[in-house]
């Protein structure tokens, strides 16, 4: 599955081909920006915003930890291949 990501009008390479560390930074960042825009324009009430923010924080932590673990393993694997 190939997904193209647009960030501030600049096309980023296809997500499937991105290094894992880039996914760890970009995907949560895009989710955060979308959430800030929704709150700023008043599409979401404050009480719902607090509840959903807590859920998103929890999910980001659960989702980010495996990506970080994979990124560290990918880095160490690349180092071993260079030697």
PDB file of N, CA and C in Angstrom:
ATOM      1  N   UNK A   1       0.848  -1.176   0.000  1.00  0.00           N
ATOM      2  CA  UNK A   1       0.000   0.000   0.000  1.00  0.00           C
ATOM      3  C   UNK A   1       0.892   1.237   0.000  1.00  0.00           C
ATOM      4  N   UNK A   2       0.701   2.097  -0.958  1.00  0.00           N
ATOM      5  CA  UNK A   2       1.530   3.288  -1.053  1.00  0.00           C
ATOM      6  C   UNK A   2       0.695   4.515  -0.727  1.00  0.00           C
ATOM      7  N   UNK A   3       1.214   5.346   0.163  1.00  0.00           N
ATOM      8  CA  UNK A   3       0.525   6.559   0.579  1.00  0.00           C
ATOM      9  C   UNK A   3       1.485   7.718   0.396  1.00  0.00           C
ATOM     10  N   UNK A   4       1.021   8.779  -0.239  1.00  0.00           N
ATOM     11  CA  UNK A   4       1.854   9.967  -0.361  1.00  0.00           C
ATOM     12  C   UNK A   4       1.415  10.974   0.689  1.00  0.00           C
ATOM     13  N   UNK A   5       2.366  11.595   1.350  1.00  0.00           N
ATOM     14  CA  UNK A   5       2.075  12.538   2.417  1.00  0.00           C
ATOM     15  C   UNK A   5       2.431  13.941   1.934  1.00  0.00           C
ATOM     16  N   UNK A   6       1.517  14.884   2.137  1.00  0.00           N
ATOM     17  CA  UNK A   6       1.794  16.278   1.800  1.00  0.00           C
ATOM     18  C   UNK A   6       1.915  17.050   3.114  1.00  0.00           C
ATOM     19  N   UNK A   7       3.034  17.724   3.302  1.00  0.00           N
ATOM     20  CA  UNK A   7       3.230  18.524   4.502  1.00  0.00           C
ATOM     21  C   UNK A   7       3.576  19.934   4.053  1.00  0.00           C
ATOM     22  N   UNK A   8       2.679  20.866   4.366  1.00  0.00           N
ATOM     23  CA  UNK A   8       2.853  22.275   4.026  1.00  0.00           C
ATOM     24  C   UNK A   8       3.223  22.426   2.542  1.00  0.00           C
ATOM     25  N   UNK A   9       2.527  21.695   1.696  1.00  0.00           N
ATOM     26  CA  UNK A   9       2.707  21.821   0.256  1.00  0.00           C
ATOM     27  C   UNK A   9       3.960  21.170  -0.302  1.00  0.00           C
ATOM     28  N   UNK A  10       4.741  20.516   0.527  1.00  0.00           N
ATOM     29  CA  UNK A  10       5.963  19.856   0.063  1.00  0.00           C
ATOM     30  C   UNK A  10       5.709  18.354   0.065  1.00  0.00           C
ATOM     31  N   UNK A  11       5.885  17.726  -1.080  1.00  0.00           N
ATOM     32  CA  UNK A  11       5.636  16.291  -1.165  1.00  0.00           C
ATOM     33  C   UNK A  11       6.797  15.526  -0.547  1.00  0.00           C
ATOM     34  N   UNK A  12       6.456  14.645   0.367  1.00  0.00           N
ATOM     35  CA  UNK A  12       7.449  13.796   1.017  1.00  0.00           C
ATOM     36  C   UNK A  12       7.480  12.482   0.238  1.00  0.00           C
ATOM     37  N   UNK A  13       8.600  11.799   0.252  1.00  0.00           N
ATOM     38  CA  UNK A  13       8.676  10.533  -0.471  1.00  0.00           C
ATOM     39  C   UNK A  13       7.618   9.563   0.043  1.00  0.00           C
ATOM     40  N   UNK A  14       7.347   8.527  -0.693  1.00  0.00           N
ATOM     41  CA  UNK A  14       6.295   7.572  -0.347  1.00  0.00           C
ATOM     42  C   UNK A  14       6.593   6.987   1.029  1.00  0.00           C
ATOM     43  N   UNK A  15       5.537   6.908   1.852  1.00  0.00           N
ATOM     44  CA  UNK A  15       5.706   6.499   3.249  1.00  0.00           C
ATOM     45  C   UNK A  15       6.315   5.106   3.357  1.00  0.00           C
ATOM     46  N   UNK A  16       5.946   4.195   2.464  1.00  0.00           N
ATOM     47  CA  UNK A  16       6.489   2.833   2.533  1.00  0.00           C
ATOM     48  C   UNK A  16       8.004   2.802   2.370  1.00  0.00           C
ATOM     49  N   UNK A  17       8.563   3.751   1.633  1.00  0.00           N
ATOM     50  CA  UNK A  17      10.001   3.758   1.376  1.00  0.00           C
ATOM     51  C   UNK A  17      10.774   4.619   2.376  1.00  0.00           C
ATOM     52  N   UNK A  18      10.054   5.293   3.268  1.00  0.00           N
ATOM     53  CA  UNK A  18      10.723   6.167   4.233  1.00  0.00           C
ATOM     54  C   UNK A  18      11.427   5.336   5.295  1.00  0.00           C
ATOM     55  N   UNK A  19      12.547   5.812   5.811  1.00  0.00           N
ATOM     56  CA  UNK A  19      13.173   5.121   6.937  1.00  0.00           C
ATOM     57  C   UNK A  19      12.229   5.134   8.140  1.00  0.00           C
ATOM     58  N   UNK A  20      12.363   4.138   8.971  1.00  0.00           N
ATOM     59  CA  UNK A  20      11.459   3.993  10.108  1.00  0.00           C
ATOM     60  C   UNK A  20      11.520   5.194  11.042  1.00  0.00           C
ATOM     61  N   UNK A  21      12.693   5.774  11.224  1.00  0.00           N
ATOM     62  CA  UNK A  21      12.819   6.914  12.132  1.00  0.00           C
ATOM     63  C   UNK A  21      12.032   8.109  11.611  1.00  0.00           C
ATOM     64  N   UNK A  22      11.925   8.252  10.293  1.00  0.00           N
ATOM     65  CA  UNK A  22      11.133   9.344   9.723  1.00  0.00           C
ATOM     66  C   UNK A  22       9.650   9.125   9.990  1.00  0.00           C
ATOM     67  N   UNK A  23       9.209   7.878   9.919  1.00  0.00           N
ATOM     68  CA  UNK A  23       7.808   7.574  10.219  1.00  0.00           C
ATOM     69  C   UNK A  23       7.489   7.904  11.670  1.00  0.00           C
ATOM     70  N   UNK A  24       8.441   7.631  12.555  1.00  0.00           N
ATOM     71  CA  UNK A  24       8.232   7.903  13.982  1.00  0.00           C
ATOM     72  C   UNK A  24       7.999   9.387  14.219  1.00  0.00           C
ATOM     73  N   UNK A  25       8.650  10.235  13.452  1.00  0.00           N
ATOM     74  CA  UNK A  25       8.542  11.678  13.651  1.00  0.00           C
ATOM     75  C   UNK A  25       7.394  12.277  12.854  1.00  0.00           C
ATOM     76  N   UNK A  26       7.253  11.902  11.594  1.00  0.00           N
ATOM     77  CA  UNK A  26       6.297  12.567  10.707  1.00  0.00           C
ATOM     78  C   UNK A  26       4.850  12.180  10.994  1.00  0.00           C
ATOM     79  N   UNK A  27       4.558  10.900  11.154  1.00  0.00           N
ATOM     80  CA  UNK A  27       3.163  10.472  11.301  1.00  0.00           C
ATOM     81  C   UNK A  27       2.519  11.062  12.554  1.00  0.00           C
ATOM     82  N   UNK A  28       3.134  10.961  13.750  1.00  0.00           N
ATOM     83  CA  UNK A  28       2.514  11.614  14.908  1.00  0.00           C
ATOM     84  C   UNK A  28       2.440  13.131  14.757  1.00  0.00           C
ATOM     85  N   UNK A  29       3.428  13.724  14.081  1.00  0.00           N
ATOM     86  CA  UNK A  29       3.410  15.175  13.861  1.00  0.00           C
ATOM     87  C   UNK A  29       2.235  15.613  13.012  1.00  0.00           C
ATOM     88  N   UNK A  30       1.949  14.863  11.959  1.00  0.00           N
ATOM     89  CA  UNK A  30       0.811  15.182  11.095  1.00  0.00           C
ATOM     90  C   UNK A  30      -0.497  15.019  11.856  1.00  0.00           C
ATOM     91  N   UNK A  31      -0.614  13.957  12.644  1.00  0.00           N
ATOM     92  CA  UNK A  31      -1.823  13.758  13.454  1.00  0.00           C
ATOM     93  C   UNK A  31      -2.010  14.931  14.412  1.00  0.00           C
ATOM     94  N   UNK A  32      -0.922  15.373  15.039  1.00  0.00           N
ATOM     95  CA  UNK A  32      -1.002  16.495  15.970  1.00  0.00           C
ATOM     96  C   UNK A  32      -1.446  17.771  15.266  1.00  0.00           C
ATOM     97  N   UNK A  33      -0.881  18.064  14.088  1.00  0.00           N
ATOM     98  CA  UNK A  33      -1.259  19.273  13.348  1.00  0.00           C
ATOM     99  C   UNK A  33      -2.730  19.254  12.946  1.00  0.00           C
ATOM    100  N   UNK A  34      -3.207  18.111  12.484  1.00  0.00           N
ATOM    101  CA  UNK A  34      -4.629  18.001  12.124  1.00  0.00           C
ATOM    102  C   UNK A  34      -5.494  18.255  13.346  1.00  0.00           C
ATOM    103  N   UNK A  35      -5.106  17.697  14.477  1.00  0.00           N
ATOM    104  CA  UNK A  35      -5.875  17.869  15.707  1.00  0.00           C
ATOM    105  C   UNK A  35      -5.896  19.338  16.139  1.00  0.00           C
ATOM    106  N   UNK A  36      -4.770  20.018  16.053  1.00  0.00           N
ATOM    107  CA  UNK A  36      -4.703  21.440  16.413  1.00  0.00           C
ATOM    108  C   UNK A  36      -5.605  22.263  15.500  1.00  0.00           C
ATOM    109  N   UNK A  37      -5.615  21.952  14.217  1.00  0.00           N
ATOM    110  CA  UNK A  37      -6.475  22.679  13.275  1.00  0.00           C
ATOM    111  C   UNK A  37      -7.946  22.463  13.611  1.00  0.00           C
ATOM    112  N   UNK A  38      -8.328  21.237  13.910  1.00  0.00           N
ATOM    113  CA  UNK A  38      -9.725  20.953  14.260  1.00  0.00           C
ATOM    114  C   UNK A  38     -10.154  21.720  15.506  1.00  0.00           C
ATOM    115  N   UNK A  39      -9.292  21.777  16.505  1.00  0.00           N
ATOM    116  CA  UNK A  39      -9.621  22.499  17.739  1.00  0.00           C
ATOM    117  C   UNK A  39      -9.649  24.003  17.479  1.00  0.00           C
ATOM    118  N   UNK A  40      -8.697  24.510  16.710  1.00  0.00           N
ATOM    119  CA  UNK A  40      -8.605  25.950  16.452  1.00  0.00           C
ATOM    120  C   UNK A  40      -9.838  26.501  15.757  1.00  0.00           C
ATOM    121  N   UNK A  41     -10.376  25.749  14.825  1.00  0.00           N
ATOM    122  CA  UNK A  41     -11.544  26.223  14.090  1.00  0.00           C
ATOM    123  C   UNK A  41     -12.858  25.898  14.789  1.00  0.00           C
ATOM    124  N   UNK A  42     -12.803  25.312  15.966  1.00  0.00           N
ATOM    125  CA  UNK A  42     -13.999  25.075  16.762  1.00  0.00           C
ATOM    126  C   UNK A  42     -14.841  23.896  16.317  1.00  0.00           C
ATOM    127  N   UNK A  43     -14.258  22.979  15.556  1.00  0.00           N
ATOM    128  CA  UNK A  43     -15.012  21.802  15.129  1.00  0.00           C
ATOM    129  C   UNK A  43     -15.221  20.825  16.280  1.00  0.00           C
ATOM    130  N   UNK A  44     -14.437  20.975  17.339  1.00  0.00           N
ATOM    131  CA  UNK A  44     -14.498  20.052  18.468  1.00  0.00           C
ATOM    132  C   UNK A  44     -14.654  20.863  19.748  1.00  0.00           C
ATOM    133  N   UNK A  45     -15.612  20.476  20.602  1.00  0.00           N
ATOM    134  CA  UNK A  45     -15.812  21.202  21.863  1.00  0.00           C
ATOM    135  C   UNK A  45     -14.652  20.909  22.819  1.00  0.00           C
ATOM    136  N   UNK A  46     -14.531  21.736  23.856  1.00  0.00           N
ATOM    137  CA  UNK A  46     -13.387  21.613  24.766  1.00  0.00           C
ATOM    138  C   UNK A  46     -13.416  20.309  25.562  1.00  0.00           C
ATOM    139  N   UNK A  47     -14.593  19.903  26.046  1.00  0.00           N
ATOM    140  CA  UNK A  47     -14.657  18.669  26.839  1.00  0.00           C
ATOM    141  C   UNK A  47     -14.354  17.444  25.981  1.00  0.00           C
ATOM    142  N   UNK A  48     -14.894  17.437  24.768  1.00  0.00           N
ATOM    143  CA  UNK A  48     -14.601  16.329  23.853  1.00  0.00           C
ATOM    144  C   UNK A  48     -13.128  16.367  23.464  1.00  0.00           C
ATOM    145  N   UNK A  49     -12.607  17.571  23.284  1.00  0.00           N
ATOM    146  CA  UNK A  49     -11.203  17.738  22.925  1.00  0.00           C
ATOM    147  C   UNK A  49     -10.289  17.153  24.001  1.00  0.00           C
ATOM    148  N   UNK A  50     -10.594  17.417  25.265  1.00  0.00           N
ATOM    149  CA  UNK A  50      -9.776  16.880  26.357  1.00  0.00           C
ATOM    150  C   UNK A  50      -9.792  15.353  26.358  1.00  0.00           C
ATOM    151  N   UNK A  51     -10.986  14.792  26.198  1.00  0.00           N
ATOM    152  CA  UNK A  51     -11.115  13.338  26.222  1.00  0.00           C
ATOM    153  C   UNK A  51     -10.367  12.707  25.054  1.00  0.00           C
ATOM    154  N   UNK A  52     -10.578  13.242  23.857  1.00  0.00           N
ATOM    155  CA  UNK A  52      -9.932  12.683  22.672  1.00  0.00           C
ATOM    156  C   UNK A  52      -8.417  12.900  22.735  1.00  0.00           C
ATOM    157  N   UNK A  53      -7.978  14.030  23.275  1.00  0.00           N
ATOM    158  CA  UNK A  53      -6.532  14.270  23.414  1.00  0.00           C
ATOM    159  C   UNK A  53      -5.889  13.220  24.308  1.00  0.00           C
ATOM    160  N   UNK A  54      -6.568  12.867  25.395  1.00  0.00           N
ATOM    161  CA  UNK A  54      -6.038  11.826  26.277  1.00  0.00           C
ATOM    162  C   UNK A  54      -5.948  10.487  25.557  1.00  0.00           C
ATOM    163  N   UNK A  55      -6.984  10.154  24.787  1.00  0.00           N
ATOM    164  CA  UNK A  55      -6.976   8.895  24.039  1.00  0.00           C
ATOM    165  C   UNK A  55      -5.866   8.908  22.988  1.00  0.00           C
ATOM    166  N   UNK A  56      -5.734  10.024  22.262  1.00  0.00           N
ATOM    167  CA  UNK A  56      -4.691  10.123  21.228  1.00  0.00           C
ATOM    168  C   UNK A  56      -3.300  10.033  21.855  1.00  0.00           C
ATOM    169  N   UNK A  57      -3.093  10.696  22.993  1.00  0.00           N
ATOM    170  CA  UNK A  57      -1.799  10.602  23.678  1.00  0.00           C
ATOM    171  C   UNK A  57      -1.466   9.153  24.012  1.00  0.00           C
ATOM    172  N   UNK A  58      -2.454   8.444  24.546  1.00  0.00           N
ATOM    173  CA  UNK A  58      -2.259   7.045  24.915  1.00  0.00           C
ATOM    174  C   UNK A  58      -1.930   6.201  23.684  1.00  0.00           C
ATOM    175  N   UNK A  59      -2.686   6.398  22.603  1.00  0.00           N
ATOM    176  CA  UNK A  59      -2.460   5.621  21.385  1.00  0.00           C
ATOM    177  C   UNK A  59      -1.121   5.957  20.739  1.00  0.00           C
ATOM    178  N   UNK A  60      -0.732   7.238  20.779  1.00  0.00           N
ATOM    179  CA  UNK A  60       0.564   7.621  20.212  1.00  0.00           C
ATOM    180  C   UNK A  60       1.711   6.973  20.971  1.00  0.00           C
ATOM    181  N   UNK A  61       1.579   6.918  22.294  1.00  0.00           N
ATOM    182  CA  UNK A  61       2.623   6.269  23.086  1.00  0.00           C
ATOM    183  C   UNK A  61       2.689   4.787  22.738  1.00  0.00           C
ATOM    184  N   UNK A  62       1.529   4.133  22.687  1.00  0.00           N
ATOM    185  CA  UNK A  62       1.518   2.710  22.352  1.00  0.00           C
ATOM    186  C   UNK A  62       2.029   2.458  20.938  1.00  0.00           C
ATOM    187  N   UNK A  63       1.688   3.351  20.015  1.00  0.00           N
ATOM    188  CA  UNK A  63       2.095   3.164  18.629  1.00  0.00           C
ATOM    189  C   UNK A  63       3.519   3.575  18.348  1.00  0.00           C
ATOM    190  N   UNK A  64       4.043   4.521  19.113  1.00  0.00           N
ATOM    191  CA  UNK A  64       5.382   5.046  18.846  1.00  0.00           C
ATOM    192  C   UNK A  64       6.477   4.146  19.400  1.00  0.00           C
ATOM    193  N   UNK A  65       6.221   3.492  20.514  1.00  0.00           N
ATOM    194  CA  UNK A  65       7.252   2.655  21.136  1.00  0.00           C
ATOM    195  C   UNK A  65       7.755   1.565  20.184  1.00  0.00           C
ATOM    196  N   UNK A  66       6.873   0.807  19.513  1.00  0.00           N
ATOM    197  CA  UNK A  66       7.400  -0.201  18.577  1.00  0.00           C
ATOM    198  C   UNK A  66       8.176   0.412  17.411  1.00  0.00           C
ATOM    199  N   UNK A  67       7.745   1.599  16.936  1.00  0.00           N
ATOM    200  CA  UNK A  67       8.466   2.259  15.854  1.00  0.00           C
ATOM    201  C   UNK A  67       9.869   2.652  16.304  1.00  0.00           C
ATOM    202  N   UNK A  68       9.988   3.179  17.517  1.00  0.00           N
ATOM    203  CA  UNK A  68      11.308   3.561  18.033  1.00  0.00           C
ATOM    204  C   UNK A  68      12.185   2.321  18.186  1.00  0.00           C
ATOM    205  N   UNK A  69      11.611   1.258  18.725  1.00  0.00           N
ATOM    206  CA  UNK A  69      12.348   0.004  18.883  1.00  0.00           C
ATOM    207  C   UNK A  69      12.832  -0.498  17.525  1.00  0.00           C
ATOM    208  N   UNK A  70      11.945  -0.475  16.528  1.00  0.00           N
ATOM    209  CA  UNK A  70      12.316  -0.908  15.183  1.00  0.00           C
ATOM    210  C   UNK A  70      13.370  -0.012  14.557  1.00  0.00           C
ATOM    211  N   UNK A  71      13.265   1.305  14.800  1.00  0.00           N
ATOM    212  CA  UNK A  71      14.235   2.246  14.246  1.00  0.00           C
ATOM    213  C   UNK A  71      15.620   2.010  14.842  1.00  0.00           C
ATOM    214  N   UNK A  72      15.677   1.750  16.136  1.00  0.00           N
ATOM    215  CA  UNK A  72      16.963   1.473  16.786  1.00  0.00           C
ATOM    216  C   UNK A  72      17.561   0.185  16.224  1.00  0.00           C
ATOM    217  N   UNK A  73      16.722  -0.846  16.072  1.00  0.00           N
ATOM    218  CA  UNK A  73      17.211  -2.107  15.499  1.00  0.00           C
ATOM    219  C   UNK A  73      17.690  -1.921  14.065  1.00  0.00           C
ATOM    220  N   UNK A  74      16.956  -1.123  13.282  1.00  0.00           N
ATOM    221  CA  UNK A  74      17.350  -0.847  11.898  1.00  0.00           C
ATOM    222  C   UNK A  74      18.699  -0.128  11.853  1.00  0.00           C
ATOM    223  N   UNK A  75      18.901   0.818  12.766  1.00  0.00           N
ATOM    224  CA  UNK A  75      20.167   1.554  12.835  1.00  0.00           C
ATOM    225  C   UNK A  75      21.321   0.610  13.173  1.00  0.00           C
ATOM    226  N   UNK A  76      21.132  -0.253  14.175  1.00  0.00           N
ATOM    227  CA  UNK A  76      22.190  -1.183  14.568  1.00  0.00           C
ATOM    228  C   UNK A  76      22.480  -2.191  13.459  1.00  0.00           C
ATOM    229  N   UNK A  77      21.434  -2.628  12.751  1.00  0.00           N
ATOM    230  CA  UNK A  77      21.623  -3.559  11.639  1.00  0.00           C
ATOM    231  C   UNK A  77      22.461  -2.903  10.535  1.00  0.00           C
ATOM    232  N   UNK A  78      22.177  -1.641  10.244  1.00  0.00           N
ATOM    233  CA  UNK A  78      22.933  -0.918   9.213  1.00  0.00           C
ATOM    234  C   UNK A  78      24.389  -0.740   9.638  1.00  0.00           C
ATOM    235  N   UNK A  79      24.614  -0.484  10.929  1.00  0.00           N
ATOM    236  CA  UNK A  79      25.989  -0.343  11.431  1.00  0.00           C
ATOM    237  C   UNK A  79      26.766  -1.643  11.280  1.00  0.00           C
ATOM    238  N   UNK A  80      26.114  -2.769  11.594  1.00  0.00           N
ATOM    239  CA  UNK A  80      26.791  -4.065  11.480  1.00  0.00           C
ATOM    240  C   UNK A  80      27.121  -4.389  10.029  1.00  0.00           C
ATOM    241  N   UNK A  81      26.231  -4.002   9.098  1.00  0.00           N
ATOM    242  CA  UNK A  81      26.483  -4.276   7.683  1.00  0.00           C
ATOM    243  C   UNK A  81      27.654  -3.454   7.155  1.00  0.00           C
ATOM    244  N   UNK A  82      27.861  -2.260   7.696  1.00  0.00           N
ATOM    245  CA  UNK A  82      28.971  -1.410   7.261  1.00  0.00           C
ATOM    246  C   UNK A  82      30.315  -1.976   7.704  1.00  0.00           C
ATOM    247  N   UNK A  83      30.337  -2.685   8.815  1.00  0.00           N
ATOM    248  CA  UNK A  83      31.609  -3.188   9.356  1.00  0.00           C
ATOM    249  C   UNK A  83      32.036  -4.424   8.680  1.00  0.00           C
TER     250      UNK A  83
END
